[in-house]
Protein backbone atom coordinates (compact mmCIF):
# COMPACT_ATOMS: atom_id res chain seq x y z
CA MET A 1 125.95 -78.55 47.05
CA THR A 2 126.80 -81.25 44.48
CA ALA A 3 124.50 -82.30 41.60
CA PRO A 4 123.52 -85.64 43.28
CA GLN A 5 122.72 -83.74 46.50
CA ASN A 6 120.59 -81.25 44.56
CA LEU A 7 118.73 -84.10 42.86
CA THR A 8 118.14 -85.86 46.19
CA ARG A 9 116.89 -82.63 47.75
CA LYS A 10 114.58 -82.02 44.81
CA ILE A 11 113.11 -85.53 45.01
CA LEU A 12 112.58 -85.15 48.77
CA GLY A 13 110.97 -81.75 48.17
CA TYR A 14 108.46 -83.10 45.67
CA PHE A 15 107.74 -86.08 47.93
CA THR A 16 107.13 -83.71 50.86
CA ALA A 17 104.85 -81.57 48.68
CA PHE A 18 102.88 -84.67 47.67
CA ILE A 19 102.48 -85.75 51.31
CA PHE A 20 101.51 -82.21 52.38
CA LEU A 21 98.89 -81.88 49.64
CA SER A 22 97.51 -85.38 50.27
CA LEU A 23 97.17 -84.76 54.02
CA THR A 24 95.47 -81.41 53.41
CA ILE A 25 92.92 -82.99 51.07
CA LEU A 26 92.34 -85.90 53.46
CA ILE A 27 91.85 -83.62 56.48
CA LEU A 28 89.40 -81.42 54.60
CA TYR A 29 87.50 -84.46 53.28
CA ARG A 30 87.19 -86.06 56.72
CA SER A 31 86.26 -82.72 58.26
CA PHE A 32 83.41 -82.17 55.80
CA GLN A 33 82.28 -85.76 56.41
CA LYS A 34 82.17 -85.27 60.16
CA TYR A 35 81.36 -81.58 60.63
CA GLU A 36 79.70 -80.77 57.29
CA LEU A 37 79.53 -77.01 56.57
CA TRP A 38 80.86 -76.13 60.03
CA THR A 39 84.25 -76.90 58.47
CA ILE A 40 84.08 -73.46 56.81
CA LEU A 41 84.24 -71.91 60.29
CA TYR A 42 86.72 -74.43 61.66
CA ILE A 43 89.39 -73.72 59.03
CA PRO A 44 89.98 -70.07 60.10
CA GLN A 45 89.96 -71.20 63.74
CA ALA A 46 92.69 -73.73 63.00
CA CYS A 47 94.64 -70.95 61.22
CA ILE A 48 94.31 -68.74 64.29
CA LEU A 49 95.75 -71.51 66.47
CA PHE A 50 98.66 -71.90 64.06
CA MET A 51 99.29 -68.13 64.22
CA TYR A 52 99.37 -68.28 68.02
CA ILE A 53 101.95 -71.07 67.83
CA TYR A 54 104.00 -69.01 65.38
CA VAL A 55 103.95 -65.99 67.74
CA PHE A 56 104.62 -67.87 70.95
CA PHE A 57 107.17 -70.50 69.90
CA PRO A 58 110.03 -67.94 69.79
CA ALA A 59 108.83 -66.64 73.17
CA PHE A 60 109.07 -70.22 74.45
CA LEU A 61 112.64 -70.36 73.13
CA LEU A 62 113.33 -67.10 74.97
CA VAL A 63 112.23 -68.72 78.23
CA ILE A 64 114.27 -71.90 77.87
CA GLY A 65 117.34 -70.15 76.48
CA ARG A 66 117.11 -66.91 78.48
CA SER A 67 120.61 -67.11 80.00
CA SER A 68 122.29 -67.56 76.61
CA ILE A 69 120.03 -65.03 74.91
CA LYS A 70 120.70 -62.40 77.58
CA LYS A 71 124.42 -62.67 76.87
CA MET A 72 123.78 -61.66 73.25
CA PHE A 73 122.77 -58.21 74.46
CA VAL A 74 125.96 -57.69 76.48
CA SER A 75 128.72 -55.96 74.53
CA SER A 76 132.09 -57.73 74.31
CA LEU A 77 134.03 -55.20 72.27
CA PRO A 78 137.83 -55.40 72.49
CA ALA A 79 139.88 -52.39 73.57
CA GLU A 80 140.95 -51.92 69.95
CA ASP A 81 139.60 -53.06 66.59
CA THR A 82 142.24 -55.36 65.13
CA ILE A 83 140.37 -55.74 61.83
CA LYS A 84 138.40 -52.85 60.34
CA ASN A 85 135.79 -53.43 57.69
CA PHE A 86 134.70 -50.53 55.50
CA PHE A 87 131.12 -49.24 55.79
CA THR A 88 129.04 -47.07 53.49
CA ILE A 89 126.09 -45.49 55.32
CA LEU A 90 123.20 -44.63 53.01
CA ILE A 91 120.51 -42.30 54.36
CA PRO A 92 117.42 -41.98 52.13
CA ALA A 93 115.55 -38.85 53.26
CA HIS A 94 112.31 -37.18 52.23
CA ASN A 95 111.70 -33.83 54.00
CA GLU A 96 113.61 -34.77 57.14
CA ASP A 97 115.41 -31.51 58.04
CA ARG A 98 113.98 -31.61 61.59
CA LEU A 99 115.26 -35.05 62.58
CA LEU A 100 118.30 -35.45 60.32
CA PRO A 101 120.68 -33.40 62.55
CA ALA A 102 120.33 -35.87 65.44
CA LEU A 103 121.31 -38.75 63.15
CA LEU A 104 124.27 -36.87 61.67
CA ASP A 105 125.47 -35.92 65.16
CA SER A 106 125.31 -39.58 66.19
CA ILE A 107 127.34 -40.53 63.09
CA ARG A 108 129.94 -37.91 63.93
CA ASN A 109 130.19 -39.38 67.44
CA GLN A 110 130.86 -42.95 66.29
CA THR A 111 133.80 -44.54 68.12
CA PHE A 112 134.74 -46.46 64.96
CA ASP A 113 137.71 -45.15 62.96
CA LYS A 114 136.38 -42.34 60.71
CA LYS A 115 138.66 -43.46 57.85
CA TYR A 116 136.70 -46.69 57.56
CA PHE A 117 133.25 -45.37 56.77
CA GLN A 118 131.62 -42.90 54.39
CA VAL A 119 128.16 -41.32 54.49
CA LEU A 120 125.75 -40.42 51.69
CA VAL A 121 122.43 -38.63 52.20
CA ILE A 122 119.96 -39.01 49.31
CA ALA A 123 117.56 -36.05 49.53
CA ASP A 124 114.65 -37.47 47.55
CA ASN A 125 112.06 -35.01 46.22
CA CYS A 126 112.56 -32.71 49.20
CA ASN A 127 111.02 -29.25 49.43
CA ASP A 128 112.60 -28.39 52.78
CA HIS A 129 116.22 -27.94 53.95
CA THR A 130 117.23 -31.63 54.11
CA ALA A 131 120.07 -31.24 51.57
CA ALA A 132 121.34 -28.03 53.20
CA VAL A 133 121.42 -29.72 56.62
CA ALA A 134 123.42 -32.67 55.24
CA ARG A 135 125.99 -30.36 53.64
CA GLN A 136 126.16 -28.19 56.74
CA TYR A 137 127.33 -31.29 58.60
CA GLY A 138 129.93 -31.96 55.91
CA MET A 139 128.15 -35.05 54.60
CA ASN A 140 127.98 -36.15 50.97
CA CYS A 141 124.53 -35.43 49.57
CA LEU A 142 122.70 -36.16 46.33
CA GLU A 143 119.43 -34.42 45.47
CA ARG A 144 116.87 -36.26 43.39
CA PHE A 145 113.73 -34.80 41.79
CA THR A 146 111.13 -36.78 39.86
CA THR A 147 107.69 -36.07 38.43
CA GLN A 148 106.40 -39.44 39.60
CA PRO A 149 105.91 -40.50 43.27
CA SER A 150 109.14 -41.95 44.60
CA ASP A 151 110.01 -44.64 47.12
CA LYS A 152 112.89 -45.60 49.33
CA GLN A 153 114.32 -48.24 47.00
CA GLN A 154 114.38 -45.83 44.06
CA ALA A 155 116.24 -43.30 46.19
CA LEU A 156 118.81 -45.91 47.21
CA GLU A 157 119.24 -47.09 43.64
CA TYR A 158 119.76 -43.48 42.52
CA GLY A 159 122.49 -43.07 45.14
CA MET A 160 124.25 -46.23 43.99
CA GLN A 161 124.19 -45.13 40.34
CA ASN A 162 125.10 -41.47 40.70
CA PHE A 163 127.66 -41.18 43.49
CA THR A 164 131.40 -41.81 43.25
CA PHE A 165 132.18 -43.99 46.24
CA GLU A 166 135.59 -44.54 47.80
CA GLU A 167 137.66 -47.42 46.49
CA ASN A 168 137.13 -49.49 49.67
CA PHE A 169 133.39 -49.45 48.94
CA ASN A 170 133.71 -52.41 46.58
CA LYS A 171 134.98 -54.73 49.30
CA GLY A 172 132.96 -53.29 52.17
CA TYR A 173 129.41 -53.27 53.50
CA VAL A 174 126.40 -51.04 52.93
CA CYS A 175 124.36 -49.92 55.94
CA ILE A 176 120.93 -48.31 55.46
CA ILE A 177 119.77 -45.88 58.13
CA ASP A 178 116.49 -43.95 58.06
CA ALA A 179 116.78 -40.20 58.60
CA ASP A 180 114.71 -40.22 61.81
CA CYS A 181 117.14 -42.52 63.63
CA HIS A 182 119.92 -42.00 66.15
CA LEU A 183 122.89 -44.38 66.43
CA ASN A 184 124.52 -45.46 69.66
CA PRO A 185 128.23 -44.44 69.71
CA ASP A 186 129.46 -48.04 69.27
CA PHE A 187 126.99 -48.93 66.52
CA LEU A 188 129.59 -49.42 63.76
CA ARG A 189 132.11 -51.06 66.10
CA GLU A 190 129.50 -53.63 67.13
CA MET A 191 128.64 -54.35 63.50
CA ASN A 192 132.35 -54.62 62.69
CA GLN A 193 133.00 -57.03 65.57
CA GLN A 194 130.19 -59.35 64.53
CA LEU A 195 131.52 -59.37 60.97
CA ILE A 196 134.97 -60.28 62.31
CA ASN A 197 133.45 -63.15 64.31
CA ASN A 198 131.54 -64.37 61.25
CA PRO A 199 132.98 -63.22 57.89
CA GLU A 200 130.32 -65.26 56.04
CA ILE A 201 127.59 -62.75 56.93
CA VAL A 202 125.88 -61.27 53.86
CA ALA A 203 123.05 -59.44 55.66
CA MET A 204 122.53 -58.28 59.23
CA GLN A 205 119.81 -56.51 61.22
CA SER A 206 120.59 -54.24 64.16
CA TYR A 207 118.64 -53.65 67.38
CA ARG A 208 115.96 -50.94 67.01
CA PHE A 209 114.16 -49.15 69.82
CA VAL A 210 111.81 -46.17 70.23
CA LYS A 211 113.59 -43.06 71.52
CA ASN A 212 110.39 -41.16 72.43
CA MET A 213 108.69 -44.08 74.15
CA HIS A 214 107.31 -41.98 77.04
CA ASP A 215 105.45 -39.46 74.84
CA SER A 216 102.07 -41.21 74.80
CA SER A 217 100.27 -44.52 75.11
CA VAL A 218 100.85 -45.04 71.39
CA THR A 219 104.63 -44.68 71.69
CA VAL A 220 104.69 -46.92 74.78
CA LEU A 221 102.91 -49.67 72.86
CA ASP A 222 105.17 -49.16 69.83
CA ALA A 223 108.23 -49.44 72.08
CA ALA A 224 106.85 -52.61 73.67
CA ALA A 225 106.21 -54.14 70.24
CA GLU A 226 109.76 -53.27 69.16
CA ALA A 227 111.18 -54.86 72.32
CA LEU A 228 109.21 -58.03 71.63
CA ARG A 229 110.55 -58.04 68.07
CA ASN A 230 114.10 -57.89 69.42
CA TRP A 231 113.82 -60.23 72.40
CA ALA A 232 111.04 -62.65 71.46
CA PHE A 233 111.44 -62.76 67.68
CA CYS A 234 114.99 -61.97 66.48
CA ALA A 235 117.13 -63.15 69.42
CA PRO A 236 115.55 -66.64 69.75
CA ARG A 237 116.00 -67.17 66.01
CA LYS A 238 119.65 -66.18 66.24
CA TRP A 239 120.03 -68.54 69.23
CA ILE A 240 118.90 -71.55 67.17
CA GLY A 241 120.87 -70.43 64.10
CA ALA A 242 117.87 -69.37 62.02
CA SER A 243 117.62 -66.30 59.81
CA VAL A 244 115.93 -63.16 61.18
CA PHE A 245 113.87 -60.59 59.29
CA ILE A 246 115.03 -57.17 58.13
CA ASN A 247 113.08 -54.13 59.29
CA GLY A 248 113.88 -51.37 56.82
CA SER A 249 116.44 -49.43 58.86
CA GLY A 250 119.64 -50.37 60.64
CA ILE A 251 120.29 -53.14 58.12
CA LEU A 252 123.60 -54.11 56.58
CA PHE A 253 124.46 -55.97 53.37
CA THR A 254 127.56 -56.87 51.44
CA LYS A 255 127.98 -54.51 48.51
CA LYS A 256 127.35 -57.31 46.02
CA ILE A 257 124.05 -58.35 47.65
CA PHE A 258 122.90 -54.76 48.06
CA GLU A 259 123.40 -54.05 44.36
CA LYS A 260 121.16 -57.02 43.57
CA LEU A 261 118.48 -55.86 46.01
CA VAL A 262 118.18 -52.26 44.83
CA SER A 263 117.93 -53.38 41.22
CA LEU A 264 115.00 -55.75 41.82
CA PRO A 265 112.14 -54.91 39.43
CA GLY A 266 108.61 -54.05 40.52
CA SER A 267 109.33 -53.51 44.19
CA ASN A 268 106.58 -52.55 46.61
CA HIS A 269 106.65 -48.83 47.49
CA LEU A 270 106.50 -49.34 51.25
CA ALA A 271 107.73 -52.89 51.73
CA GLU A 272 111.18 -52.95 50.20
CA ASP A 273 112.39 -54.86 53.27
CA LYS A 274 109.91 -57.68 52.55
CA GLU A 275 110.86 -57.68 48.88
CA TRP A 276 114.48 -58.03 49.94
CA LYS A 277 113.63 -60.77 52.44
CA ALA A 278 111.81 -62.68 49.69
CA TYR A 279 114.94 -62.49 47.52
CA LEU A 280 117.24 -63.58 50.35
CA SER A 281 115.03 -66.41 51.59
CA GLU A 282 114.57 -67.83 48.08
CA ARG A 283 118.36 -68.11 47.81
CA ASN A 284 118.70 -69.37 51.38
CA LEU A 285 120.86 -66.37 52.31
CA LYS A 286 120.83 -65.94 56.07
CA VAL A 287 120.14 -62.60 57.77
CA ASP A 288 122.13 -62.36 61.00
CA TYR A 289 121.19 -60.26 64.04
CA CYS A 290 123.44 -57.86 65.96
CA PRO A 291 121.68 -57.01 69.26
CA CYS A 292 124.50 -54.80 70.54
CA ALA A 293 124.43 -52.49 67.49
CA GLN A 294 121.55 -50.30 68.60
CA LEU A 295 119.67 -47.43 67.00
CA ALA A 296 116.70 -45.40 68.16
CA TYR A 297 113.92 -44.01 65.97
CA GLU A 298 111.12 -41.55 66.57
CA ALA A 299 107.66 -43.13 66.67
CA VAL A 300 104.43 -41.27 65.92
CA SER A 301 102.74 -40.25 69.16
CA SER A 302 99.05 -39.79 68.36
CA GLN A 303 96.47 -42.44 67.57
CA LYS A 304 95.45 -40.57 64.40
CA ASP A 305 99.03 -40.66 63.10
CA PHE A 306 99.34 -44.30 64.15
CA GLN A 307 96.30 -45.24 62.06
CA LYS A 308 97.68 -43.38 59.02
CA GLN A 309 100.98 -45.18 59.40
CA ARG A 310 99.33 -48.57 59.85
CA LYS A 311 97.19 -47.95 56.76
CA ARG A 312 100.36 -47.75 54.69
CA TRP A 313 102.10 -50.64 56.43
CA VAL A 314 99.12 -53.01 56.36
CA GLY A 315 98.45 -52.12 52.73
CA SER A 316 102.00 -52.95 51.70
CA HIS A 317 101.88 -56.15 53.76
CA MET A 318 98.69 -57.24 52.00
CA ASN A 319 100.27 -56.56 48.62
CA MET A 320 103.24 -58.71 49.58
CA MET A 321 100.96 -61.46 50.85
CA TYR A 322 99.12 -61.59 47.53
CA LYS A 323 102.34 -61.40 45.55
CA TYR A 324 104.47 -63.93 47.41
CA GLY A 325 102.31 -65.91 49.87
CA TRP A 326 101.47 -69.13 48.07
CA ILE A 327 104.53 -68.96 45.82
CA VAL A 328 106.80 -68.87 48.86
CA LEU A 329 104.86 -71.73 50.52
CA LYS A 330 105.24 -73.90 47.42
CA GLN A 331 108.94 -73.10 47.12
CA SER A 332 109.58 -73.71 50.81
CA ILE A 333 108.12 -77.22 50.54
CA LEU A 334 109.73 -78.12 47.22
CA ASN A 335 113.12 -76.73 48.33
CA LEU A 336 112.82 -77.98 51.94
CA ASN A 337 113.71 -74.41 52.88
CA PHE A 338 112.85 -73.48 56.48
CA THR A 339 113.75 -69.80 55.91
CA GLN A 340 111.18 -69.55 53.13
CA PHE A 341 108.54 -71.28 55.25
CA ASP A 342 109.28 -68.87 58.10
CA PHE A 343 108.86 -66.00 55.65
CA PHE A 344 105.55 -67.45 54.43
CA CYS A 345 104.28 -67.61 58.01
CA SER A 346 105.26 -63.98 58.61
CA LEU A 347 103.40 -62.92 55.47
CA MET A 348 100.22 -64.75 56.47
CA GLN A 349 100.40 -63.65 60.11
CA LEU A 350 97.60 -61.36 61.30
CA PRO A 351 98.54 -58.31 63.39
CA ARG A 352 98.44 -59.35 67.05
CA SER A 353 95.56 -56.94 67.71
CA LEU A 354 93.47 -58.67 65.02
CA LEU A 355 94.50 -62.05 66.36
CA LEU A 356 93.18 -60.97 69.74
CA ILE A 357 89.86 -59.66 68.38
CA SER A 358 89.39 -62.83 66.29
CA SER A 359 89.87 -64.92 69.42
CA LEU A 360 87.31 -62.80 71.28
CA PHE A 361 84.85 -63.25 68.41
CA PHE A 362 85.12 -67.05 68.42
CA ALA A 363 85.03 -67.17 72.23
CA VAL A 364 81.70 -65.31 72.17
CA LEU A 365 80.51 -67.55 69.32
CA ASP A 366 81.36 -70.61 71.39
CA PHE A 367 79.38 -69.18 74.31
CA LEU A 368 76.33 -68.47 72.13
CA TYR A 369 76.40 -71.66 70.06
CA SER A 370 79.13 -74.18 70.90
CA PRO A 371 78.95 -76.26 67.65
CA ALA A 372 80.20 -73.16 65.77
CA SER A 373 83.51 -73.33 67.66
CA PHE A 374 86.05 -76.06 67.06
CA PHE A 375 87.84 -75.35 70.35
CA PRO A 376 86.26 -75.33 73.82
CA HIS A 377 85.71 -71.98 75.53
CA TRP A 378 88.61 -72.49 77.93
CA ALA A 379 91.01 -72.78 74.98
CA TRP A 380 89.89 -69.39 73.64
CA VAL A 381 90.20 -67.86 77.11
CA ALA A 382 93.72 -69.28 77.40
CA MET A 383 94.75 -67.82 74.03
CA ILE A 384 93.30 -64.41 74.87
CA GLY A 385 95.04 -64.43 78.26
CA ALA A 386 98.33 -65.48 76.68
CA MET A 387 98.17 -62.60 74.17
CA ILE A 388 97.48 -60.06 76.93
CA LEU A 389 100.41 -61.44 78.97
CA TYR A 390 102.56 -61.19 75.83
CA GLY A 391 101.76 -57.48 75.74
CA PHE A 392 102.76 -57.15 79.40
CA LEU A 393 106.04 -58.91 78.55
CA GLY A 394 106.76 -56.14 76.03
CA LEU A 395 106.14 -53.49 78.69
CA TYR A 396 108.37 -55.37 81.11
CA LEU A 397 111.17 -55.51 78.53
CA ILE A 398 111.14 -51.73 78.07
CA LYS A 399 111.01 -51.20 81.83
CA ALA A 400 107.76 -49.27 81.48
CA ARG A 401 106.69 -46.99 84.32
CA ALA A 402 103.88 -48.19 86.55
CA ASN A 403 101.29 -45.86 85.00
CA GLU A 404 102.31 -46.93 81.48
CA TYR A 405 100.90 -50.41 82.04
CA MET A 406 97.54 -48.71 81.56
CA ALA A 407 98.47 -48.55 77.87
CA ILE A 408 97.27 -52.16 77.53
CA PRO A 409 93.56 -51.20 77.89
CA HIS A 410 94.26 -48.28 75.53
CA ALA A 411 95.43 -50.81 72.94
CA LEU A 412 91.92 -52.24 72.76
CA SER A 413 90.64 -48.87 71.52
CA MET A 414 93.19 -49.05 68.69
CA VAL A 415 91.97 -52.45 67.52
CA THR A 416 88.97 -50.93 65.73
CA GLY A 417 91.28 -48.72 63.73
CA VAL A 418 93.58 -51.60 62.80
CA PHE A 419 90.55 -53.69 61.78
CA LYS A 420 89.30 -50.83 59.59
CA THR A 421 92.77 -50.39 58.10
CA THR A 422 93.02 -54.09 57.24
CA PHE A 423 89.56 -54.05 55.64
CA LEU A 424 90.45 -51.00 53.53
CA SER A 425 93.65 -52.73 52.44
CA LEU A 426 91.72 -55.84 51.42
CA ILE A 427 89.52 -53.77 49.10
CA GLY A 428 92.47 -51.87 47.67
CA LYS A 429 92.17 -48.60 49.60
CA SER A 430 95.67 -48.58 51.08
CA THR A 431 98.25 -45.84 50.64
CA SER A 432 101.35 -46.67 48.65
CA GLN A 433 103.32 -43.43 48.55
CA TRP A 434 106.60 -42.94 50.41
CA LYS A 435 105.56 -40.01 52.60
CA PRO A 436 106.52 -39.78 56.29
CA THR A 437 103.53 -39.42 58.61
CA ARG A 438 105.15 -36.46 60.35
CA VAL A 439 105.42 -34.54 57.07
CA GLU A 440 101.87 -35.41 56.12
CA ASN A 441 100.60 -33.96 59.38
CA GLU A 442 102.67 -30.77 59.05
CA GLU A 443 101.29 -30.17 55.56
CA HIS A 444 97.76 -30.37 56.87
């Protein structure tokens, strides 16, 4: 972008910010004039409506573009790879000797030319046989021991600084895979093909799904949520040419970008993917989506484990919201950057379970005392119904068994736990240590 274009964009950004701020002040002023102190209740209700729009707009795109979007999930690999990019697979692992073999087997079974990828397992503060398992499979492995609690980004940075990579590494791509995953045989070929089709890609997210989805109601709901993330969140964004979000595992970067990401200071222990997304969105670097490169991961199966996991995730999300929320909003307006605004919305978005319970609360409030609700009761009923149908869409996408549709009522029993988790995170009682839930349970 030329200097005059930058100046024009900057002027437009500041003008947009002025209009946005003026309209916000005017709306609040008129609202207090008309509704007085009820405005305090109406503001969160308006935010809830905005969150519903944010959730359902991609789903609307899925409906109107379903034929084109479906084609994204159909593989079109050639008989032979004419161009072969070089991949470095990094596997950060903390006490993962039980699940690591399945991942290493799936890497061995890749249909992509073995000369064009290398693998490094970073056994971070392990007190089990993770390193021995990696070496047994003939994989490169670094062991790291620290006196302080570690995190995934530190493990990755240690691998980058202490391993001698092949020469092709410098002009290739880095792919991060969690140790509890399992790659489809064509995973690397699909990534390679998309990079051939679009050499400008600097970051890319793969398709993730739950491999133990039939274990319990918790895993069914997790699988449905993952399917919605793929079909009603990532794919519609790719269809309109927007950037998607990275989800921690099954992500790919150019070597140059990855070096920048792992060296970022002050990263969140459990939200390195959001830290990285903040960096990418600020620089308007697009994250592409590769729906045919698929990996499975093992989800926790009990509600107790689910709540422990959500306590860590929600806590890290809250930290990111405080750290980046309003900064990203300001930058998105001043820079006229849609990717940053999208990221801001994702940071401020309530979990869908809390969105549902908030809607129920205001629906009951409207029934008891209608002036306390800005929207009529039928609007709240419509939003609640739409959210429940959204959950059924997730079950439909994973081709859930008939009896598994009963997981929807079970989800309501999990809402209390999510609400408690969010409250604890708001008062600073979240967990911030990189410690897999499975390991935590085995130790107890």
